[in-house]
């Protein structure tokens, strides 16, 4: 091999080994090893692994050392916060206990109110039933009391009139046999409602005995005195009874014209003979019985 080539090869190997000095082994010459490696062209395992150069640690902002007084102050603040939180928890516990007592008290009150409401509902129902019964009894008493009354319609009303005297004269004309005892027959006489211009109020006549009333009621039918004075007599019935009669009267009239005949008195109707209770309680016989019960006409 020429000498120039050897020198050139040696320089190149020395330069490479100088740049990789970490590859040198302990106690040996790096240039000789490099020359031997390059000359022999045999790779030998490197004794050490290359590592990066360590980077110096840089402190970040805020990572300054904290002194003991600062730590103690933070601990004291934390202790104060815990104590305040403990006080708040105690207060909340007391408030929750009071709320629980209030809820329990309200629950008892609601329970008492429910029981009282149920009792009041029962009492109201009972009072409603009693009220309905009392109303029915009052109507029945009023209905019974009016059986002694007759209503005179069509008599003109005069200023400062003596209603009792005027009615007594009319009754004497209809029943002359009452002339001497008319004062003991008629109990009271009065007009109904408030006085209004252009309207003649009806007159209610209350008799001392019912048979006097029934006798006059029969005499007024077809009376010439009534036709002459243009007056008429009628029963003094309750408004509810009057409405019921008006509602049922067309059917009674139809039944009277179709099947039934008047009794000789001309005031009541003859009931048909019914052997079965089913027929006796049917509409037509029951209607005729009701009509006869209230006077026929």
Protein backbone atom coordinates (compact mmCIF):
# COMPACT_ATOMS: atom_id res chain seq x y z
CA UNK A 1 0.00 0.00 0.00
CA UNK A 2 1.38 3.46 -0.80
CA UNK A 3 2.29 5.70 2.06
CA UNK A 4 0.03 8.55 0.98
CA UNK A 5 -2.98 6.30 1.18
CA UNK A 6 -1.99 5.08 4.60
CA UNK A 7 -1.62 8.63 5.88
CA UNK A 8 -4.93 9.64 4.41
CA UNK A 9 -6.66 6.65 5.88
CA UNK A 10 -5.11 7.23 9.26
CA UNK A 11 -6.19 10.88 9.35
CA UNK A 12 -9.73 9.95 8.44
CA UNK A 13 -9.92 7.26 11.13
CA UNK A 14 -8.37 9.55 13.72
CA UNK A 15 -10.83 12.32 12.90
CA UNK A 16 -13.80 9.94 13.22
CA UNK A 17 -12.53 8.57 16.52
CA UNK A 18 -11.93 12.07 17.83
CA UNK A 19 -15.54 13.02 17.10
CA UNK A 20 -16.74 9.81 18.81
CA UNK A 21 -14.31 9.71 21.76
CA UNK A 22 -16.99 8.00 23.91
CA UNK A 23 -16.36 4.84 21.97
CA UNK A 24 -12.82 4.45 23.39
CA UNK A 25 -12.30 1.63 25.85
CA UNK A 26 -10.51 1.98 29.14
CA UNK A 27 -6.72 1.47 29.04
CA UNK A 28 -6.53 1.40 25.22
CA UNK A 29 -5.63 3.82 22.43
CA UNK A 30 -8.59 5.05 20.44
CA UNK A 31 -6.56 5.60 17.27
CA UNK A 32 -5.10 2.12 17.37
CA UNK A 33 -8.49 0.55 17.92
CA UNK A 34 -9.96 2.67 15.15
CA UNK A 35 -7.15 1.74 12.84
CA UNK A 36 -7.51 -1.85 13.74
CA UNK A 37 -11.27 -1.69 13.20
CA UNK A 38 -10.90 0.05 9.88
CA UNK A 39 -8.01 -2.12 8.76
CA UNK A 40 -9.55 -5.37 9.79
CA UNK A 41 -13.05 -4.30 8.63
CA UNK A 42 -14.55 -6.17 11.57
CA UNK A 43 -17.24 -4.41 13.71
CA UNK A 44 -16.82 -4.74 17.43
CA UNK A 45 -19.68 -4.03 19.94
CA UNK A 46 -19.45 -0.58 21.52
CA UNK A 47 -18.93 -0.72 25.25
CA UNK A 48 -21.19 2.27 26.18
CA UNK A 49 -24.58 3.55 24.91
CA UNK A 50 -24.63 7.24 23.91
CA UNK A 51 -26.97 9.47 26.01
CA UNK A 52 -28.21 12.99 25.60
CA UNK A 53 -26.62 15.81 27.47
CA UNK A 54 -28.67 16.46 30.67
CA UNK A 55 -30.68 19.68 30.56
CA UNK A 56 -30.50 21.82 33.69
CA UNK A 57 -33.82 22.06 35.63
CA UNK A 58 -35.46 25.45 35.31
CA UNK A 59 -37.77 26.68 38.08
CA UNK A 60 -41.18 27.81 36.97
CA UNK A 61 -42.79 30.96 38.12
CA UNK A 62 -44.52 30.55 41.49
CA UNK A 63 -42.33 27.63 42.50
CA UNK A 64 -40.47 29.75 44.94
CA UNK A 65 -39.81 28.31 48.31
CA UNK A 66 -42.65 28.91 50.87
CA UNK A 67 -41.67 29.92 54.32
CA UNK A 68 -43.01 28.35 57.51
CA UNK A 69 -44.98 31.43 58.65
CA UNK A 70 -46.86 31.38 55.37
CA UNK A 71 -47.71 27.71 55.81
CA UNK A 72 -48.79 28.36 59.42
CA UNK A 73 -51.01 31.24 58.34
CA UNK A 74 -52.64 29.06 55.68
CA UNK A 75 -53.24 26.30 58.25
CA UNK A 76 -54.78 28.82 60.65
CA UNK A 77 -57.06 30.15 57.90
CA UNK A 78 -58.10 26.63 57.03
CA UNK A 79 -58.80 25.89 60.71
CA UNK A 80 -60.92 29.06 60.96
CA UNK A 81 -62.86 28.06 57.86
CA UNK A 82 -63.46 24.59 59.29
CA UNK A 83 -64.68 26.06 62.56
CA UNK A 84 -67.03 28.41 60.72
CA UNK A 85 -68.31 25.50 58.63
CA UNK A 86 -68.84 23.50 61.82
CA UNK A 87 -70.87 26.35 63.32
CA UNK A 88 -72.95 26.60 60.16
CA UNK A 89 -73.55 22.85 60.21
CA UNK A 90 -74.71 23.07 63.84
CA UNK A 91 -77.06 25.93 62.95
CA UNK A 92 -78.37 23.99 59.99
CA UNK A 93 -78.91 20.97 62.22
CA UNK A 94 -80.93 23.08 64.65
CA UNK A 95 -82.96 24.58 61.80
CA UNK A 96 -83.63 21.13 60.34
CA UNK A 97 -84.78 19.90 63.75
CA UNK A 98 -87.14 22.88 64.07
CA UNK A 99 -88.46 22.31 60.55
CA UNK A 100 -89.03 18.65 61.39
CA UNK A 101 -91.01 19.66 64.48
CA UNK A 102 -93.02 22.15 62.42
CA UNK A 103 -93.75 19.51 59.78
CA UNK A 104 -94.84 17.05 62.44
CA UNK A 105 -97.06 19.68 64.04
CA UNK A 106 -98.56 20.60 60.68
CA UNK A 107 -99.18 16.93 59.91
CA UNK A 108 -101.09 16.55 63.18
CA UNK A 109 -103.07 19.71 62.46
CA UNK A 110 -103.93 18.50 58.97
CA UNK A 111 -105.04 15.17 60.39
CA UNK A 112 -107.24 16.95 62.93
CA UNK A 113 -108.66 19.18 60.18
CA UNK A 114 -109.47 16.13 58.07
CA UNK A 115 -111.26 14.45 60.95
CA UNK A 116 -113.18 17.65 61.72
CA UNK A 117 -114.04 18.06 58.05
CA UNK A 118 -115.43 14.53 57.90
CA UNK A 119 -117.46 15.22 61.03
CA UNK A 120 -118.75 18.49 59.57
CA UNK A 121 -119.67 16.75 56.32
CA UNK A 122 -121.73 14.24 58.25
CA UNK A 123 -123.37 17.02 60.26
CA UNK A 124 -124.09 19.05 57.10
CA UNK A 125 -125.64 15.99 55.47
CA UNK A 126 -127.73 15.39 58.56
CA UNK A 127 -128.76 19.05 58.71
CA UNK A 128 -129.67 18.97 55.02
CA UNK A 129 -131.88 15.93 55.57
CA UNK A 130 -133.51 17.54 58.61
CA UNK A 131 -134.00 20.77 56.66
CA UNK A 132 -135.69 18.92 53.82
CA UNK A 133 -137.94 17.12 56.30
CA UNK A 134 -138.79 20.37 58.07
CA UNK A 135 -139.56 22.08 54.77
CA UNK A 136 -141.85 19.22 53.83
CA UNK A 137 -143.56 19.39 57.22
CA UNK A 138 -144.01 23.16 56.95
CA UNK A 139 -145.49 22.76 53.46
CA UNK A 140 -147.79 20.04 54.73
CA UNK A 141 -148.94 22.25 57.63
CA UNK A 142 -149.47 25.16 55.26
CA UNK A 143 -151.33 22.90 52.88
CA UNK A 144 -153.50 21.57 55.72
CA UNK A 145 -154.23 25.08 57.03
CA UNK A 146 -155.35 26.27 53.60
CA UNK A 147 -158.09 23.65 53.53
CA UNK A 148 -160.12 26.11 55.64
CA UNK A 149 -159.64 28.85 53.03
CA UNK A 150 -161.26 29.93 49.80
CA UNK A 151 -159.95 32.51 47.38
CA UNK A 152 -162.29 35.12 45.91
CA UNK A 153 -161.22 36.45 42.50
CA UNK A 154 -162.51 39.33 40.40
CA UNK A 155 -163.82 41.66 43.14
CA UNK A 156 -162.76 45.21 42.36
CA UNK A 157 -160.63 46.90 44.96
CA UNK A 158 -161.81 50.22 46.38
CA UNK A 159 -159.95 52.83 48.41
CA UNK A 160 -160.52 52.54 52.16
CA UNK A 161 -162.79 49.55 51.65
CA UNK A 162 -164.07 47.30 54.40
CA UNK A 163 -163.09 43.99 52.86
CA UNK A 164 -164.71 41.82 55.55
CA UNK A 165 -168.07 43.61 55.27
CA UNK A 166 -168.07 43.47 51.47
CA UNK A 167 -167.24 39.74 51.39
CA UNK A 168 -169.80 38.95 54.12
CA UNK A 169 -172.55 40.57 52.01
CA UNK A 170 -171.55 38.46 49.00
CA UNK A 171 -171.54 35.26 51.06
CA UNK A 172 -174.99 36.04 52.47
CA UNK A 173 -176.32 36.51 48.96
CA UNK A 174 -174.90 33.12 47.92
CA UNK A 175 -175.99 31.33 51.16
CA UNK A 176 -179.00 33.20 52.66
CA UNK A 177 -179.17 30.71 55.55
CA UNK A 178 -175.97 32.25 56.93
CA UNK A 179 -177.46 35.70 57.44
CA UNK A 180 -177.73 35.48 61.22
CA UNK A 181 -174.40 33.69 61.83
CA UNK A 182 -172.10 35.05 59.16
CA UNK A 183 -169.81 36.62 61.79
CA UNK A 184 -169.27 33.23 63.48
CA UNK A 185 -168.70 31.48 60.14
CA UNK A 186 -166.09 33.82 58.66
CA UNK A 187 -162.92 34.13 60.71
CA UNK A 188 -160.71 36.51 58.70
CA UNK A 189 -160.70 38.21 55.31
CA UNK A 190 -157.73 39.91 53.63
CA UNK A 191 -156.28 40.66 50.21
CA UNK A 192 -153.10 39.01 48.93
CA UNK A 193 -149.87 40.85 48.12
CA UNK A 194 -149.08 44.52 47.81
CA UNK A 195 -151.45 47.04 46.33
CA UNK A 196 -150.72 47.94 42.71
CA UNK A 197 -152.37 50.40 40.37
CA UNK A 198 -154.58 48.81 37.73
CA UNK A 199 -154.58 45.40 39.44
CA UNK A 200 -157.25 43.94 41.72
CA UNK A 201 -155.78 41.66 44.35
CA UNK A 202 -157.40 38.36 45.27
CA UNK A 203 -159.14 37.92 48.61
CA UNK A 204 -158.54 35.03 51.01
CA UNK A 205 -161.46 33.97 53.19
CA UNK A 206 -160.66 31.89 56.27
CA UNK A 207 -163.62 30.00 57.76
CA UNK A 208 -163.98 28.95 61.37
CA UNK A 209 -164.96 25.40 60.38
CA UNK A 210 -164.10 23.40 57.35
CA UNK A 211 -167.63 22.19 56.63
CA UNK A 212 -168.70 25.83 56.14
CA UNK A 213 -165.97 26.19 53.58
CA UNK A 214 -166.98 22.96 51.78
CA UNK A 215 -170.63 24.00 51.80
CA UNK A 216 -169.90 27.39 50.23
CA UNK A 217 -167.52 25.72 47.75
CA UNK A 218 -170.39 23.56 46.49
CA UNK A 219 -172.86 26.48 46.37
CA UNK A 220 -170.59 28.66 44.24
CA UNK A 221 -170.79 26.26 41.28
CA UNK A 222 -173.14 27.87 38.77
CA UNK A 223 -174.18 30.57 41.25
CA UNK A 224 -176.14 33.43 39.69
CA UNK A 225 -174.68 35.84 42.24
CA UNK A 226 -171.14 35.04 41.10
CA UNK A 227 -172.10 35.53 37.47
CA UNK A 228 -173.81 38.81 38.27
CA UNK A 229 -170.88 40.21 40.23
CA UNK A 230 -168.37 38.64 37.81
CA UNK A 231 -166.49 36.95 40.64
CA UNK A 232 -165.35 33.37 41.20
CA UNK A 233 -164.14 31.21 44.06
CA UNK A 234 -161.16 28.93 43.99
CA UNK A 235 -159.12 26.79 46.35
CA UNK A 236 -156.28 28.47 48.18
CA UNK A 237 -153.53 26.02 47.21
CA UNK A 238 -149.76 26.28 47.38
CA UNK A 239 -147.87 27.44 44.25
CA UNK A 240 -146.13 24.05 44.03
CA UNK A 241 -149.45 22.21 44.15
CA UNK A 242 -150.88 24.55 41.54
CA UNK A 243 -147.98 23.87 39.19
CA UNK A 244 -148.35 20.11 39.72
CA UNK A 245 -152.06 20.33 38.90
CA UNK A 246 -151.40 22.34 35.77
CA UNK A 247 -148.87 19.72 34.63
CA UNK A 248 -151.14 16.72 35.24
CA UNK A 249 -154.48 18.27 34.35
CA UNK A 250 -154.38 17.55 30.57
CA UNK A 251 -153.92 13.83 31.25
CA UNK A 252 -156.68 13.84 33.86
CA UNK A 253 -158.99 15.66 31.48
CA UNK A 254 -158.25 13.15 28.75
CA UNK A 255 -158.92 10.27 31.15
CA UNK A 256 -162.16 11.88 32.36
CA UNK A 257 -163.46 12.41 28.86
CA UNK A 258 -162.44 8.92 27.74
CA UNK A 259 -163.39 6.57 30.56
CA UNK A 260 -164.73 8.18 33.73
CA UNK A 261 -167.96 9.86 34.66
CA UNK A 262 -168.86 12.36 37.32
CA UNK A 263 -170.67 11.39 40.46
CA UNK A 264 -174.18 12.80 41.00
CA UNK A 265 -172.74 15.61 43.07
CA UNK A 266 -170.84 16.80 40.03
CA UNK A 267 -167.75 17.42 42.14
CA UNK A 268 -165.91 14.11 42.04
CA UNK A 269 -165.29 11.29 39.58
CA UNK A 270 -166.28 7.68 39.78
CA UNK A 271 -163.34 5.33 40.22
CA UNK A 272 -163.26 2.16 38.16
CA UNK A 273 -163.48 -1.17 39.94
CA UNK A 274 -160.04 -2.76 39.97
CA UNK A 275 -159.50 -6.22 41.38
CA UNK A 276 -155.74 -6.19 41.04
CA UNK A 277 -153.45 -3.83 42.90
CA UNK A 278 -151.46 -3.41 39.71
CA UNK A 279 -154.49 -1.84 38.03
CA UNK A 280 -155.50 0.08 41.12
CA UNK A 281 -152.07 1.69 41.32
CA UNK A 282 -151.93 2.49 37.61
CA UNK A 283 -151.82 6.05 36.33
CA UNK A 284 -155.48 6.73 35.59
CA UNK A 285 -157.05 5.50 38.88
CA UNK A 286 -154.28 7.14 40.85
CA UNK A 287 -154.80 10.44 39.02
CA UNK A 288 -158.54 10.37 39.63
CA UNK A 289 -157.97 9.58 43.32
CA UNK A 290 -155.58 12.51 43.57
CA UNK A 291 -158.05 14.79 41.84
CA UNK A 292 -160.91 13.71 44.13
CA UNK A 293 -158.66 14.20 47.16
CA UNK A 294 -158.09 17.85 46.25
CA UNK A 295 -161.70 18.72 45.59
CA UNK A 296 -162.42 17.38 42.13
CA UNK A 297 -162.59 20.65 40.22
